[in-house]
PDB file of N, CA and C in Angstrom:
ATOM      1  N   UNK A   1      38.028   5.973  -5.191  1.00  0.00           N
ATOM      2  CA  UNK A   1      36.785   6.499  -5.716  1.00  0.00           C
ATOM      3  C   UNK A   1      35.649   5.493  -5.533  1.00  0.00           C
ATOM      4  N   UNK A   2      35.944   4.225  -5.669  1.00  0.00           N
ATOM      5  CA  UNK A   2      34.915   3.199  -5.509  1.00  0.00           C
ATOM      6  C   UNK A   2      34.383   3.197  -4.082  1.00  0.00           C
ATOM      7  N   UNK A   3      35.276   3.372  -3.120  1.00  0.00           N
ATOM      8  CA  UNK A   3      34.847   3.410  -1.716  1.00  0.00           C
ATOM      9  C   UNK A   3      33.958   4.621  -1.463  1.00  0.00           C
ATOM     10  N   UNK A   4      34.336   5.772  -2.002  1.00  0.00           N
ATOM     11  CA  UNK A   4      33.519   6.979  -1.829  1.00  0.00           C
ATOM     12  C   UNK A   4      32.142   6.820  -2.458  1.00  0.00           C
ATOM     13  N   UNK A   5      32.099   6.217  -3.625  1.00  0.00           N
ATOM     14  CA  UNK A   5      30.801   5.974  -4.269  1.00  0.00           C
ATOM     15  C   UNK A   5      29.980   4.976  -3.443  1.00  0.00           C
ATOM     16  N   UNK A   6      30.669   4.017  -2.833  1.00  0.00           N
ATOM     17  CA  UNK A   6      29.994   3.055  -1.964  1.00  0.00           C
ATOM     18  C   UNK A   6      29.381   3.722  -0.740  1.00  0.00           C
ATOM     19  N   UNK A   7      30.089   4.702  -0.185  1.00  0.00           N
ATOM     20  CA  UNK A   7      29.567   5.441   0.973  1.00  0.00           C
ATOM     21  C   UNK A   7      28.306   6.201   0.578  1.00  0.00           C
ATOM     22  N   UNK A   8      28.346   6.861  -0.581  1.00  0.00           N
ATOM     23  CA  UNK A   8      27.163   7.589  -1.056  1.00  0.00           C
ATOM     24  C   UNK A   8      26.010   6.619  -1.269  1.00  0.00           C
ATOM     25  N   UNK A   9      26.289   5.485  -1.884  1.00  0.00           N
ATOM     26  CA  UNK A   9      25.255   4.479  -2.125  1.00  0.00           C
ATOM     27  C   UNK A   9      24.673   3.959  -0.814  1.00  0.00           C
ATOM     28  N   UNK A  10      25.533   3.735   0.177  1.00  0.00           N
ATOM     29  CA  UNK A  10      25.063   3.275   1.486  1.00  0.00           C
ATOM     30  C   UNK A  10      24.114   4.290   2.114  1.00  0.00           C
ATOM     31  N   UNK A  11      24.493   5.568   2.084  1.00  0.00           N
ATOM     32  CA  UNK A  11      23.625   6.607   2.637  1.00  0.00           C
ATOM     33  C   UNK A  11      22.295   6.675   1.887  1.00  0.00           C
ATOM     34  N   UNK A  12      22.336   6.518   0.566  1.00  0.00           N
ATOM     35  CA  UNK A  12      21.101   6.562  -0.222  1.00  0.00           C
ATOM     36  C   UNK A  12      20.203   5.357   0.059  1.00  0.00           C
ATOM     37  N   UNK A  13      20.797   4.183   0.226  1.00  0.00           N
ATOM     38  CA  UNK A  13      20.005   2.991   0.563  1.00  0.00           C
ATOM     39  C   UNK A  13      19.368   3.163   1.940  1.00  0.00           C
ATOM     40  N   UNK A  14      20.132   3.653   2.892  1.00  0.00           N
ATOM     41  CA  UNK A  14      19.574   3.898   4.230  1.00  0.00           C
ATOM     42  C   UNK A  14      18.466   4.938   4.177  1.00  0.00           C
ATOM     43  N   UNK A  15      18.640   5.975   3.368  1.00  0.00           N
ATOM     44  CA  UNK A  15      17.589   6.989   3.217  1.00  0.00           C
ATOM     45  C   UNK A  15      16.331   6.354   2.658  1.00  0.00           C
ATOM     46  N   UNK A  16      16.477   5.446   1.698  1.00  0.00           N
ATOM     47  CA  UNK A  16      15.319   4.758   1.135  1.00  0.00           C
ATOM     48  C   UNK A  16      14.605   3.887   2.150  1.00  0.00           C
ATOM     49  N   UNK A  17      15.369   3.175   2.964  1.00  0.00           N
ATOM     50  CA  UNK A  17      14.770   2.324   4.005  1.00  0.00           C
ATOM     51  C   UNK A  17      14.034   3.178   5.020  1.00  0.00           C
ATOM     52  N   UNK A  18      14.678   4.232   5.488  1.00  0.00           N
ATOM     53  CA  UNK A  18      14.062   5.094   6.495  1.00  0.00           C
ATOM     54  C   UNK A  18      12.854   5.849   5.946  1.00  0.00           C
ATOM     55  N   UNK A  19      12.882   6.211   4.679  1.00  0.00           N
ATOM     56  CA  UNK A  19      11.765   6.984   4.116  1.00  0.00           C
ATOM     57  C   UNK A  19      10.472   6.171   4.066  1.00  0.00           C
ATOM     58  N   UNK A  20      10.584   4.862   4.088  1.00  0.00           N
ATOM     59  CA  UNK A  20       9.394   4.005   4.134  1.00  0.00           C
ATOM     60  C   UNK A  20       8.891   3.790   5.558  1.00  0.00           C
ATOM     61  N   UNK A  21       9.551   4.397   6.531  1.00  0.00           N
ATOM     62  CA  UNK A  21       9.150   4.236   7.919  1.00  0.00           C
ATOM     63  C   UNK A  21       9.675   2.951   8.532  1.00  0.00           C
ATOM     64  N   UNK A  22      10.600   2.317   7.864  1.00  0.00           N
ATOM     65  CA  UNK A  22      11.186   1.061   8.338  1.00  0.00           C
ATOM     66  C   UNK A  22      12.610   1.315   8.812  1.00  0.00           C
ATOM     67  N   UNK A  23      13.191   0.319   9.444  1.00  0.00           N
ATOM     68  CA  UNK A  23      14.595   0.391   9.826  1.00  0.00           C
ATOM     69  C   UNK A  23      14.878   1.106  11.125  1.00  0.00           C
ATOM     70  N   UNK A  24      13.881   1.253  11.967  1.00  0.00           N
ATOM     71  CA  UNK A  24      14.121   1.920  13.252  1.00  0.00           C
ATOM     72  C   UNK A  24      15.133   1.146  14.094  1.00  0.00           C
ATOM     73  N   UNK A  25      15.256  -0.151  13.837  1.00  0.00           N
ATOM     74  CA  UNK A  25      16.227  -0.951  14.582  1.00  0.00           C
ATOM     75  C   UNK A  25      17.658  -0.551  14.251  1.00  0.00           C
ATOM     76  N   UNK A  26      17.864   0.236  13.197  1.00  0.00           N
ATOM     77  CA  UNK A  26      19.197   0.711  12.839  1.00  0.00           C
ATOM     78  C   UNK A  26      19.586   1.989  13.594  1.00  0.00           C
ATOM     79  N   UNK A  27      18.627   2.618  14.251  1.00  0.00           N
ATOM     80  CA  UNK A  27      18.891   3.862  14.980  1.00  0.00           C
ATOM     81  C   UNK A  27      19.379   3.489  16.373  1.00  0.00           C
ATOM     82  N   UNK A  28      20.612   3.814  16.656  1.00  0.00           N
ATOM     83  CA  UNK A  28      21.306   3.307  17.829  1.00  0.00           C
ATOM     84  C   UNK A  28      20.598   3.584  19.155  1.00  0.00           C
ATOM     85  N   UNK A  29      20.278   4.795  19.448  1.00  0.00           N
ATOM     86  CA  UNK A  29      19.648   5.091  20.728  1.00  0.00           C
ATOM     87  C   UNK A  29      18.247   4.521  20.855  1.00  0.00           C
ATOM     88  N   UNK A  30      17.562   4.440  19.715  1.00  0.00           N
ATOM     89  CA  UNK A  30      16.187   3.950  19.723  1.00  0.00           C
ATOM     90  C   UNK A  30      16.131   2.440  19.915  1.00  0.00           C
ATOM     91  N   UNK A  31      17.025   1.713  19.277  1.00  0.00           N
ATOM     92  CA  UNK A  31      16.937   0.257  19.348  1.00  0.00           C
ATOM     93  C   UNK A  31      17.366  -0.315  20.691  1.00  0.00           C
ATOM     94  N   UNK A  32      18.028   0.478  21.518  1.00  0.00           N
ATOM     95  CA  UNK A  32      18.438  -0.013  22.830  1.00  0.00           C
ATOM     96  C   UNK A  32      17.433   0.316  23.933  1.00  0.00           C
ATOM     97  N   UNK A  33      16.389   1.061  23.595  1.00  0.00           N
ATOM     98  CA  UNK A  33      15.359   1.412  24.575  1.00  0.00           C
ATOM     99  C   UNK A  33      14.495   0.198  24.900  1.00  0.00           C
ATOM    100  N   UNK A  34      13.998   0.140  26.128  1.00  0.00           N
ATOM    101  CA  UNK A  34      13.012  -0.901  26.422  1.00  0.00           C
ATOM    102  C   UNK A  34      11.710  -0.622  25.670  1.00  0.00           C
ATOM    103  N   UNK A  35      10.928  -1.655  25.461  1.00  0.00           N
ATOM    104  CA  UNK A  35       9.699  -1.539  24.673  1.00  0.00           C
ATOM    105  C   UNK A  35       8.760  -0.477  25.245  1.00  0.00           C
ATOM    106  N   UNK A  36       8.678  -0.378  26.553  1.00  0.00           N
ATOM    107  CA  UNK A  36       7.787   0.611  27.171  1.00  0.00           C
ATOM    108  C   UNK A  36       8.218   2.037  26.832  1.00  0.00           C
ATOM    109  N   UNK A  37       9.515   2.249  26.710  1.00  0.00           N
ATOM    110  CA  UNK A  37      10.027   3.575  26.356  1.00  0.00           C
ATOM    111  C   UNK A  37       9.831   3.855  24.862  1.00  0.00           C
ATOM    112  N   UNK A  38       9.989   2.828  24.019  1.00  0.00           N
ATOM    113  CA  UNK A  38       9.805   2.994  22.574  1.00  0.00           C
ATOM    114  C   UNK A  38       8.377   3.402  22.231  1.00  0.00           C
ATOM    115  N   UNK A  39       7.419   2.957  23.017  1.00  0.00           N
ATOM    116  CA  UNK A  39       6.010   3.273  22.756  1.00  0.00           C
ATOM    117  C   UNK A  39       5.720   4.759  22.894  1.00  0.00           C
ATOM    118  N   UNK A  40       6.586   5.499  23.560  1.00  0.00           N
ATOM    119  CA  UNK A  40       6.401   6.931  23.747  1.00  0.00           C
ATOM    120  C   UNK A  40       6.826   7.734  22.515  1.00  0.00           C
ATOM    121  N   UNK A  41       7.492   7.091  21.559  1.00  0.00           N
ATOM    122  CA  UNK A  41       8.038   7.784  20.398  1.00  0.00           C
ATOM    123  C   UNK A  41       7.275   7.440  19.128  1.00  0.00           C
ATOM    124  N   UNK A  42       7.208   8.411  18.229  1.00  0.00           N
ATOM    125  CA  UNK A  42       6.601   8.209  16.918  1.00  0.00           C
ATOM    126  C   UNK A  42       7.691   7.650  15.998  1.00  0.00           C
ATOM    127  N   UNK A  43       7.664   6.340  15.814  1.00  0.00           N
ATOM    128  CA  UNK A  43       8.707   5.653  15.060  1.00  0.00           C
ATOM    129  C   UNK A  43       8.761   6.109  13.603  1.00  0.00           C
ATOM    130  N   UNK A  44       7.616   6.335  12.998  1.00  0.00           N
ATOM    131  CA  UNK A  44       7.576   6.749  11.593  1.00  0.00           C
ATOM    132  C   UNK A  44       8.187   8.134  11.415  1.00  0.00           C
ATOM    133  N   UNK A  45       7.865   9.070  12.307  1.00  0.00           N
ATOM    134  CA  UNK A  45       8.432  10.417  12.227  1.00  0.00           C
ATOM    135  C   UNK A  45       9.949  10.385  12.422  1.00  0.00           C
ATOM    136  N   UNK A  46      10.398   9.552  13.336  1.00  0.00           N
ATOM    137  CA  UNK A  46      11.826   9.409  13.572  1.00  0.00           C
ATOM    138  C   UNK A  46      12.520   8.842  12.338  1.00  0.00           C
ATOM    139  N   UNK A  47      11.912   7.855  11.713  1.00  0.00           N
ATOM    140  CA  UNK A  47      12.492   7.268  10.498  1.00  0.00           C
ATOM    141  C   UNK A  47      12.509   8.274   9.346  1.00  0.00           C
ATOM    142  N   UNK A  48      11.471   9.081   9.223  1.00  0.00           N
ATOM    143  CA  UNK A  48      11.442  10.090   8.161  1.00  0.00           C
ATOM    144  C   UNK A  48      12.538  11.137   8.368  1.00  0.00           C
ATOM    145  N   UNK A  49      12.761  11.524   9.621  1.00  0.00           N
ATOM    146  CA  UNK A  49      13.861  12.450   9.909  1.00  0.00           C
ATOM    147  C   UNK A  49      15.198  11.819   9.534  1.00  0.00           C
ATOM    148  N   UNK A  50      15.377  10.554   9.896  1.00  0.00           N
ATOM    149  CA  UNK A  50      16.635   9.880   9.583  1.00  0.00           C
ATOM    150  C   UNK A  50      16.841   9.739   8.082  1.00  0.00           C
ATOM    151  N   UNK A  51      15.751   9.592   7.320  1.00  0.00           N
ATOM    152  CA  UNK A  51      15.859   9.524   5.858  1.00  0.00           C
ATOM    153  C   UNK A  51      16.411  10.839   5.313  1.00  0.00           C
ATOM    154  N   UNK A  52      15.891  11.947   5.799  1.00  0.00           N
ATOM    155  CA  UNK A  52      16.385  13.256   5.355  1.00  0.00           C
ATOM    156  C   UNK A  52      17.832  13.478   5.789  1.00  0.00           C
ATOM    157  N   UNK A  53      18.147  13.002   6.975  1.00  0.00           N
ATOM    158  CA  UNK A  53      19.497  13.119   7.513  1.00  0.00           C
ATOM    159  C   UNK A  53      20.485  12.320   6.652  1.00  0.00           C
ATOM    160  N   UNK A  54      20.134  11.101   6.300  1.00  0.00           N
ATOM    161  CA  UNK A  54      21.000  10.270   5.457  1.00  0.00           C
ATOM    162  C   UNK A  54      21.160  10.864   4.061  1.00  0.00           C
ATOM    163  N   UNK A  55      20.095  11.429   3.541  1.00  0.00           N
ATOM    164  CA  UNK A  55      20.166  12.069   2.228  1.00  0.00           C
ATOM    165  C   UNK A  55      21.104  13.275   2.269  1.00  0.00           C
ATOM    166  N   UNK A  56      21.019  14.060   3.326  1.00  0.00           N
ATOM    167  CA  UNK A  56      21.913  15.218   3.478  1.00  0.00           C
ATOM    168  C   UNK A  56      23.367  14.768   3.600  1.00  0.00           C
ATOM    169  N   UNK A  57      23.607  13.680   4.315  1.00  0.00           N
ATOM    170  CA  UNK A  57      24.973  13.170   4.442  1.00  0.00           C
ATOM    171  C   UNK A  57      25.497  12.659   3.101  1.00  0.00           C
ATOM    172  N   UNK A  58      24.628  12.047   2.309  1.00  0.00           N
ATOM    173  CA  UNK A  58      25.033  11.583   0.975  1.00  0.00           C
ATOM    174  C   UNK A  58      25.443  12.759   0.099  1.00  0.00           C
ATOM    175  N   UNK A  59      24.675  13.836   0.167  1.00  0.00           N
ATOM    176  CA  UNK A  59      25.003  15.025  -0.626  1.00  0.00           C
ATOM    177  C   UNK A  59      26.325  15.637  -0.160  1.00  0.00           C
ATOM    178  N   UNK A  60      26.568  15.627   1.143  1.00  0.00           N
ATOM    179  CA  UNK A  60      27.822  16.169   1.679  1.00  0.00           C
ATOM    180  C   UNK A  60      29.023  15.332   1.263  1.00  0.00           C
ATOM    181  N   UNK A  61      28.805  14.077   0.950  1.00  0.00           N
ATOM    182  CA  UNK A  61      29.910  13.197   0.581  1.00  0.00           C
ATOM    183  C   UNK A  61      30.327  13.386  -0.881  1.00  0.00           C
ATOM    184  N   UNK A  62      29.506  14.035  -1.686  1.00  0.00           N
ATOM    185  CA  UNK A  62      29.821  14.224  -3.108  1.00  0.00           C
ATOM    186  C   UNK A  62      31.129  14.997  -3.313  1.00  0.00           C
ATOM    187  N   UNK A  63      31.377  16.120  -2.613  1.00  0.00           N
ATOM    188  CA  UNK A  63      32.669  16.799  -2.801  1.00  0.00           C
ATOM    189  C   UNK A  63      33.863  15.932  -2.399  1.00  0.00           C
ATOM    190  N   UNK A  64      33.676  15.075  -1.422  1.00  0.00           N
ATOM    191  CA  UNK A  64      34.766  14.181  -1.013  1.00  0.00           C
ATOM    192  C   UNK A  64      35.069  13.202  -2.141  1.00  0.00           C
ATOM    193  N   UNK A  65      34.035  12.743  -2.818  1.00  0.00           N
ATOM    194  CA  UNK A  65      34.234  11.867  -3.975  1.00  0.00           C
ATOM    195  C   UNK A  65      34.910  12.625  -5.112  1.00  0.00           C
ATOM    196  N   UNK A  66      34.528  13.873  -5.317  1.00  0.00           N
ATOM    197  CA  UNK A  66      35.174  14.681  -6.358  1.00  0.00           C
ATOM    198  C   UNK A  66      36.659  14.885  -6.070  1.00  0.00           C
ATOM    199  N   UNK A  67      37.007  14.935  -4.791  1.00  0.00           N
ATOM    200  CA  UNK A  67      38.417  15.070  -4.416  1.00  0.00           C
ATOM    201  C   UNK A  67      39.218  13.864  -4.909  1.00  0.00           C
ATOM    202  N   UNK A  68      38.608  12.672  -4.886  1.00  0.00           N
ATOM    203  CA  UNK A  68      39.338  11.488  -5.340  1.00  0.00           C
ATOM    204  C   UNK A  68      39.572  11.498  -6.847  1.00  0.00           C
ATOM    205  N   UNK A  69      38.854  12.359  -7.566  1.00  0.00           N
ATOM    206  CA  UNK A  69      39.023  12.445  -9.017  1.00  0.00           C
ATOM    207  C   UNK A  69      40.119  13.441  -9.390  1.00  0.00           C
ATOM    208  N   UNK A  70      40.088  14.638  -8.801  1.00  0.00           N
ATOM    209  CA  UNK A  70      41.060  15.647  -9.235  1.00  0.00           C
ATOM    210  C   UNK A  70      41.910  16.269  -8.121  1.00  0.00           C
ATOM    211  N   UNK A  71      41.847  15.774  -6.920  1.00  0.00           N
ATOM    212  CA  UNK A  71      42.760  16.127  -5.830  1.00  0.00           C
ATOM    213  C   UNK A  71      42.926  17.619  -5.573  1.00  0.00           C
ATOM    214  N   UNK A  72      41.834  18.353  -5.594  1.00  0.00           N
ATOM    215  CA  UNK A  72      41.888  19.757  -5.204  1.00  0.00           C
ATOM    216  C   UNK A  72      41.402  19.850  -3.755  1.00  0.00           C
ATOM    217  N   UNK A  73      42.185  20.507  -2.928  1.00  0.00           N
ATOM    218  CA  UNK A  73      41.903  20.557  -1.493  1.00  0.00           C
ATOM    219  C   UNK A  73      40.542  21.162  -1.167  1.00  0.00           C
ATOM    220  N   UNK A  74      40.041  22.047  -1.999  1.00  0.00           N
ATOM    221  CA  UNK A  74      38.761  22.698  -1.722  1.00  0.00           C
ATOM    222  C   UNK A  74      37.635  21.674  -1.616  1.00  0.00           C
ATOM    223  N   UNK A  75      37.710  20.610  -2.400  1.00  0.00           N
ATOM    224  CA  UNK A  75      36.663  19.599  -2.361  1.00  0.00           C
ATOM    225  C   UNK A  75      36.648  18.851  -1.025  1.00  0.00           C
ATOM    226  N   UNK A  76      37.798  18.447  -0.562  1.00  0.00           N
ATOM    227  CA  UNK A  76      37.858  17.681   0.692  1.00  0.00           C
ATOM    228  C   UNK A  76      37.497  18.567   1.879  1.00  0.00           C
ATOM    229  N   UNK A  77      37.949  19.814   1.863  1.00  0.00           N
ATOM    230  CA  UNK A  77      37.641  20.738   2.954  1.00  0.00           C
ATOM    231  C   UNK A  77      36.140  21.031   2.987  1.00  0.00           C
ATOM    232  N   UNK A  78      35.570  21.321   1.823  1.00  0.00           N
ATOM    233  CA  UNK A  78      34.138  21.607   1.738  1.00  0.00           C
ATOM    234  C   UNK A  78      33.311  20.401   2.164  1.00  0.00           C
ATOM    235  N   UNK A  79      33.683  19.222   1.686  1.00  0.00           N
ATOM    236  CA  UNK A  79      32.936  18.013   2.005  1.00  0.00           C
ATOM    237  C   UNK A  79      32.955  17.674   3.484  1.00  0.00           C
ATOM    238  N   UNK A  80      34.127  17.712   4.082  1.00  0.00           N
ATOM    239  CA  UNK A  80      34.240  17.377   5.507  1.00  0.00           C
ATOM    240  C   UNK A  80      33.547  18.431   6.367  1.00  0.00           C
ATOM    241  N   UNK A  81      33.698  19.702   6.017  1.00  0.00           N
ATOM    242  CA  UNK A  81      33.031  20.766   6.781  1.00  0.00           C
ATOM    243  C   UNK A  81      31.512  20.621   6.699  1.00  0.00           C
ATOM    244  N   UNK A  82      31.002  20.373   5.497  1.00  0.00           N
ATOM    245  CA  UNK A  82      29.553  20.205   5.336  1.00  0.00           C
ATOM    246  C   UNK A  82      29.067  18.963   6.077  1.00  0.00           C
ATOM    247  N   UNK A  83      29.829  17.883   6.003  1.00  0.00           N
ATOM    248  CA  UNK A  83      29.469  16.639   6.684  1.00  0.00           C
ATOM    249  C   UNK A  83      29.377  16.866   8.199  1.00  0.00           C
ATOM    250  N   UNK A  84      30.383  17.509   8.764  1.00  0.00           N
ATOM    251  CA  UNK A  84      30.381  17.791  10.210  1.00  0.00           C
ATOM    252  C   UNK A  84      29.252  18.739  10.590  1.00  0.00           C
ATOM    253  N   UNK A  85      28.988  19.732   9.764  1.00  0.00           N
ATOM    254  CA  UNK A  85      27.913  20.681  10.038  1.00  0.00           C
ATOM    255  C   UNK A  85      26.553  19.990  10.023  1.00  0.00           C
ATOM    256  N   UNK A  86      26.321  19.136   9.035  1.00  0.00           N
ATOM    257  CA  UNK A  86      25.047  18.413   8.958  1.00  0.00           C
ATOM    258  C   UNK A  86      24.879  17.496  10.169  1.00  0.00           C
ATOM    259  N   UNK A  87      25.939  16.823  10.584  1.00  0.00           N
ATOM    260  CA  UNK A  87      25.853  15.958  11.764  1.00  0.00           C
ATOM    261  C   UNK A  87      25.521  16.779  13.005  1.00  0.00           C
ATOM    262  N   UNK A  88      26.195  17.903  13.191  1.00  0.00           N
ATOM    263  CA  UNK A  88      25.944  18.739  14.370  1.00  0.00           C
ATOM    264  C   UNK A  88      24.507  19.263  14.378  1.00  0.00           C
ATOM    265  N   UNK A  89      24.049  19.776  13.250  1.00  0.00           N
ATOM    266  CA  UNK A  89      22.682  20.300  13.179  1.00  0.00           C
ATOM    267  C   UNK A  89      21.668  19.182  13.381  1.00  0.00           C
ATOM    268  N   UNK A  90      21.921  18.029  12.777  1.00  0.00           N
ATOM    269  CA  UNK A  90      21.005  16.896  12.932  1.00  0.00           C
ATOM    270  C   UNK A  90      20.908  16.421  14.366  1.00  0.00           C
ATOM    271  N   UNK A  91      22.033  16.336  15.055  1.00  0.00           N
ATOM    272  CA  UNK A  91      22.023  15.909  16.455  1.00  0.00           C
ATOM    273  C   UNK A  91      21.296  16.911  17.349  1.00  0.00           C
ATOM    274  N   UNK A  92      21.543  18.171  17.128  1.00  0.00           N
ATOM    275  CA  UNK A  92      20.864  19.199  17.920  1.00  0.00           C
ATOM    276  C   UNK A  92      19.363  19.163  17.654  1.00  0.00           C
ATOM    277  N   UNK A  93      18.979  19.072  16.391  1.00  0.00           N
ATOM    278  CA  UNK A  93      17.559  19.040  16.032  1.00  0.00           C
ATOM    279  C   UNK A  93      16.859  17.817  16.626  1.00  0.00           C
ATOM    280  N   UNK A  94      17.481  16.670  16.532  1.00  0.00           N
ATOM    281  CA  UNK A  94      16.848  15.434  16.994  1.00  0.00           C
ATOM    282  C   UNK A  94      16.736  15.356  18.508  1.00  0.00           C
ATOM    283  N   UNK A  95      17.655  15.990  19.212  1.00  0.00           N
ATOM    284  CA  UNK A  95      17.696  15.833  20.662  1.00  0.00           C
ATOM    285  C   UNK A  95      17.113  17.005  21.442  1.00  0.00           C
ATOM    286  N   UNK A  96      16.500  17.955  20.752  1.00  0.00           N
ATOM    287  CA  UNK A  96      15.861  19.072  21.452  1.00  0.00           C
ATOM    288  C   UNK A  96      14.398  19.142  21.054  1.00  0.00           C
ATOM    289  N   UNK A  97      13.583  19.587  21.943  1.00  0.00           N
ATOM    290  CA  UNK A  97      12.191  19.883  21.628  1.00  0.00           C
ATOM    291  C   UNK A  97      11.217  18.719  21.626  1.00  0.00           C
ATOM    292  N   UNK A  98      11.646  17.525  22.018  1.00  0.00           N
ATOM    293  CA  UNK A  98      10.748  16.356  22.039  1.00  0.00           C
ATOM    294  C   UNK A  98       9.955  16.213  20.729  1.00  0.00           C
ATOM    295  N   UNK A  99      10.642  16.352  19.621  1.00  0.00           N
ATOM    296  CA  UNK A  99       9.990  16.328  18.302  1.00  0.00           C
ATOM    297  C   UNK A  99       9.384  14.983  17.937  1.00  0.00           C
ATOM    298  N   UNK A 100       9.931  13.927  18.472  1.00  0.00           N
ATOM    299  CA  UNK A 100       9.506  12.590  18.045  1.00  0.00           C
ATOM    300  C   UNK A 100       8.659  11.878  19.082  1.00  0.00           C
ATOM    301  N   UNK A 101       8.277  12.573  20.127  1.00  0.00           N
ATOM    302  CA  UNK A 101       7.414  11.959  21.139  1.00  0.00           C
ATOM    303  C   UNK A 101       5.969  12.013  20.652  1.00  0.00           C
ATOM    304  N   UNK A 102       5.195  11.011  21.053  1.00  0.00           N
ATOM    305  CA  UNK A 102       3.784  10.961  20.669  1.00  0.00           C
ATOM    306  C   UNK A 102       2.982  11.958  21.463  1.00  0.00           C
TER     307      UNK A 102
END
């Protein structure tokens, strides 16, 4: 249970960092771009999206934490399904439509 609470806390801390428009160096694809390529992107908008994404992942982790308390399979199934769904939707949203380009 402590590990699950730690995961939720980690996602919430990351959401807080990203919501301030900071921490773009933590975004894997963005931090490996050359500086000339990074200038084409709106870093603040990207960080705000990542803040919402991290918050959604934290919420999805709550049923997984509840599973560690009372061991009902519905919690783990719901949590993992929601977690995977949020990741899939987030990846599709972030990588289509040039949303973060200036």
